[in-house]
Protein backbone atom coordinates (compact mmCIF):
# COMPACT_ATOMS: atom_id res chain seq x y z
CA MET A 1 -24.53 12.77 -6.97
CA ARG A 2 -24.35 9.80 -9.34
CA SER A 3 -21.59 11.41 -11.41
CA LYS A 4 -19.53 12.21 -8.30
CA LEU A 5 -19.77 8.61 -7.17
CA SER A 6 -18.68 7.27 -10.56
CA GLU A 7 -15.75 9.69 -10.58
CA GLN A 8 -14.62 8.35 -7.20
CA GLU A 9 -14.97 4.75 -8.34
CA HIS A 10 -12.63 5.39 -11.25
CA ALA A 11 -10.12 7.48 -9.33
CA THR A 12 -6.55 7.28 -10.58
CA ILE A 13 -3.44 7.90 -8.52
CA TYR A 14 -0.39 8.34 -10.75
CA GLN A 15 -0.41 5.14 -12.82
CA TYR A 16 -2.76 3.25 -10.48
CA LYS A 17 -6.52 2.90 -10.89
CA LEU A 18 -8.97 2.18 -8.07
CA THR A 19 -10.12 -1.42 -8.53
CA LYS A 20 -11.73 -2.36 -5.23
CA ARG A 21 -12.74 -0.51 -2.10
CA ILE A 22 -13.79 -2.09 1.17
CA VAL A 23 -15.71 0.14 3.54
CA ILE A 24 -15.54 -0.96 7.15
CA SER A 25 -18.84 -0.35 8.91
CA ARG A 26 -19.05 1.11 12.38
CA GLU A 27 -20.97 -1.97 13.50
CA LEU A 28 -18.05 -4.19 12.56
CA ILE A 29 -15.64 -1.99 14.50
CA GLN A 30 -18.01 -1.94 17.47
CA SER A 31 -18.25 -5.73 17.44
CA HIS A 32 -14.46 -5.94 17.25
CA PHE A 33 -14.22 -3.78 20.36
CA LEU A 34 -17.01 -5.74 22.02
CA THR A 35 -14.83 -8.86 21.82
CA LEU A 36 -12.12 -6.84 23.55
CA ALA A 37 -14.54 -5.84 26.33
CA ILE A 38 -15.72 -9.45 26.77
CA PHE A 39 -12.13 -10.65 26.95
CA THR A 40 -11.27 -7.97 29.51
CA GLY A 41 -14.25 -8.99 31.63
CA PHE A 42 -13.21 -12.64 31.36
CA LEU A 43 -9.66 -11.89 32.54
CA LEU A 44 -10.92 -9.79 35.46
CA TRP A 45 -13.45 -12.45 36.45
CA ILE A 46 -11.00 -15.37 36.34
CA TYR A 47 -7.72 -13.75 37.42
CA ASN A 48 -8.87 -10.63 39.36
CA ILE A 49 -6.16 -7.94 39.49
CA GLY A 50 -3.63 -10.33 37.92
CA GLY A 51 -5.89 -10.43 34.88
CA LEU A 52 -5.79 -6.64 34.60
CA PHE A 53 -2.00 -6.72 34.86
CA GLY A 54 -1.86 -9.46 32.23
CA TRP A 55 -4.19 -7.44 29.98
CA LEU A 56 -2.02 -4.31 30.15
CA ALA A 57 1.30 -6.13 30.02
CA GLY A 58 0.07 -8.37 27.20
CA PHE A 59 -0.82 -5.36 25.04
CA THR A 60 2.59 -3.79 25.63
CA ILE A 61 4.52 -7.01 25.01
CA VAL A 62 2.57 -7.78 21.82
CA GLN A 63 3.21 -4.28 20.47
CA LEU A 64 6.94 -4.71 21.12
CA LEU A 65 6.77 -8.20 19.60
CA HIS A 66 5.09 -6.81 16.48
CA LEU A 67 7.76 -4.11 16.20
CA PHE A 68 10.49 -6.74 16.53
CA VAL A 69 8.93 -9.02 13.90
CA LEU A 70 8.38 -6.09 11.52
CA LEU A 71 12.03 -5.08 11.82
CA ILE A 72 13.16 -8.66 11.20
CA THR A 73 10.78 -8.96 8.25
CA PHE A 74 12.11 -5.72 6.78
CA ILE A 75 15.59 -7.22 6.79
CA ARG A 76 14.30 -10.30 4.95
CA VAL A 77 11.92 -8.51 2.56
CA GLU A 78 13.94 -6.25 0.29
CA GLU A 79 11.15 -3.93 -0.86
CA ALA A 80 10.12 -3.06 2.69
CA THR A 81 13.28 -1.16 3.52
CA ASP A 82 11.96 2.06 1.97
CA ARG A 83 8.48 1.74 3.52
CA LYS A 84 7.53 3.70 6.59
CA TRP A 85 5.36 2.12 9.25
CA ILE A 86 3.59 4.08 11.95
CA TRP A 87 1.88 3.17 15.20
CA ARG A 88 -1.74 4.31 15.41
CA ILE A 89 -4.86 3.71 17.48
CA ASN A 90 -7.31 4.31 14.63
CA PRO A 91 -9.82 1.45 14.62
CA PRO A 92 -9.70 -1.06 13.02
CA TRP A 93 -5.99 -0.50 12.31
CA VAL A 94 -4.75 -0.52 15.92
CA GLY A 95 -0.99 -0.97 16.14
CA PHE A 96 1.61 -0.74 13.40
CA LYS A 97 0.40 -0.03 9.88
CA PRO A 98 1.95 1.23 6.65
CA ALA A 99 2.18 5.02 6.59
CA ASN A 100 1.87 5.12 2.80
CA ASP A 101 0.46 2.92 0.08
CA ILE A 102 1.93 -0.57 0.15
CA ASN A 103 2.25 -3.28 -2.47
CA LEU A 104 -0.34 -6.05 -1.97
CA LEU A 105 2.26 -8.81 -2.17
CA LEU A 106 4.43 -7.06 0.40
CA PHE A 107 1.40 -6.43 2.65
CA ARG A 108 0.51 -10.12 2.59
CA ARG A 109 4.08 -11.24 3.18
CA VAL A 110 4.68 -8.90 6.11
CA HIS A 111 1.43 -9.81 7.84
CA ARG A 112 1.90 -13.52 7.24
CA HIS A 113 5.32 -13.28 8.90
CA LEU A 114 3.87 -11.14 11.67
CA PHE A 115 1.10 -13.65 12.36
CA TRP A 116 3.14 -16.85 12.38
CA ILE A 117 6.34 -15.58 14.01
CA GLY A 118 4.28 -13.75 16.64
CA LEU A 119 2.37 -16.93 17.48
CA LEU A 120 5.60 -18.90 17.64
CA ILE A 121 7.29 -16.45 20.01
CA ILE A 122 4.22 -16.31 22.27
CA ALA A 123 4.10 -20.13 22.32
CA MET A 124 7.79 -20.27 23.21
CA MET A 125 7.21 -17.90 26.15
CA TYR A 126 4.37 -20.07 27.52
CA PRO A 127 6.35 -22.09 30.10
CA TRP A 128 7.88 -19.01 31.75
CA VAL A 129 5.03 -16.50 31.99
CA PRO A 130 1.84 -16.57 34.08
CA ALA A 131 -1.33 -17.96 32.52
CA ALA A 132 -3.12 -14.59 32.49
CA LEU A 133 -0.25 -12.99 30.60
CA THR A 134 0.01 -15.86 28.11
CA ILE A 135 -3.72 -15.78 27.37
CA SER A 136 -3.61 -12.01 27.10
CA MET A 137 -0.65 -12.00 24.69
CA PHE A 138 -2.32 -14.61 22.51
CA PHE A 139 -5.60 -12.66 22.47
CA TRP A 140 -3.96 -9.29 21.77
CA HIS A 141 -1.89 -10.77 18.95
CA ILE A 142 -4.96 -12.29 17.27
CA TRP A 143 -7.15 -9.25 17.98
CA LEU A 144 -4.65 -6.83 16.44
CA ILE A 145 -3.80 -8.92 13.35
CA VAL A 146 -7.24 -10.24 12.34
CA PRO A 147 -8.45 -7.05 10.55
CA ARG A 148 -5.32 -7.06 8.38
CA LEU A 149 -5.51 -10.77 7.64
CA LEU A 150 -9.16 -10.35 6.64
CA LEU A 151 -8.13 -7.49 4.38
CA ALA A 152 -5.50 -9.67 2.71
CA PHE A 153 -8.16 -12.36 2.31
CA PHE A 154 -10.65 -9.96 0.69
CA PHE A 155 -8.01 -8.76 -1.78
CA ARG A 156 -6.73 -12.27 -2.56
CA LYS A 157 -8.17 -12.33 -6.11
CA GLN A 158 -6.63 -8.98 -7.06
CA PRO A 159 -3.37 -8.86 -9.03
CA LYS A 160 -0.37 -8.87 -6.70
CA ASN A 161 1.33 -5.88 -8.33
CA GLY A 162 -1.28 -3.38 -7.11
CA VAL A 163 -1.14 -1.25 -3.98
CA ILE A 164 -3.30 -0.99 -0.87
CA ARG A 165 -4.17 2.24 0.87
CA LEU A 166 -5.46 2.00 4.45
CA GLN A 167 -7.62 4.87 5.64
CA SER A 168 -9.75 5.33 8.75
CA PHE A 169 -12.86 3.36 7.76
CA GLU A 170 -11.88 1.92 4.40
CA ALA A 171 -9.22 0.07 2.50
CA SER A 172 -8.67 0.66 -1.20
CA TYR A 173 -6.89 -1.47 -3.77
CA TYR A 174 -5.31 0.24 -6.77
CA SER A 175 -4.11 -1.74 -9.79
CA ARG A 176 -1.69 -0.70 -12.52
């Protein structure tokens, strides 16, 4: 068993070597979803059926917002044009995620744009949408992006020319 583990730790994909692996525990995913349940209960308690509408509409609007920001970012970021992104509901990567391996620098750049531009657009919509929908959009945006921002934070000391591979319950960083 020890030799199998050491072989996995030194796995090589083409010219890349596994440098760091982050395993996401089920407890962390459960706590992430617990915050979603608490937020849902809060919206239902404060806004009744309007809170449920805001919760559902907020999720849909934030997904469309993320798609819009990703498309705009792909125009601005040259390397992203050949990358495929897919929409999944695999915790903790709910929403749009890279379909293949992605360069760490590009991953950080795309998610930084996604975070800040998304917040800006939600803030600009504030005067014209109901409070339940505004709170819901803000929550969904943060809830969906936090796992990826934490991942970028955990890989911050790694060389920027490596690639990240996102799998169901782990994220791996491969360096050249």
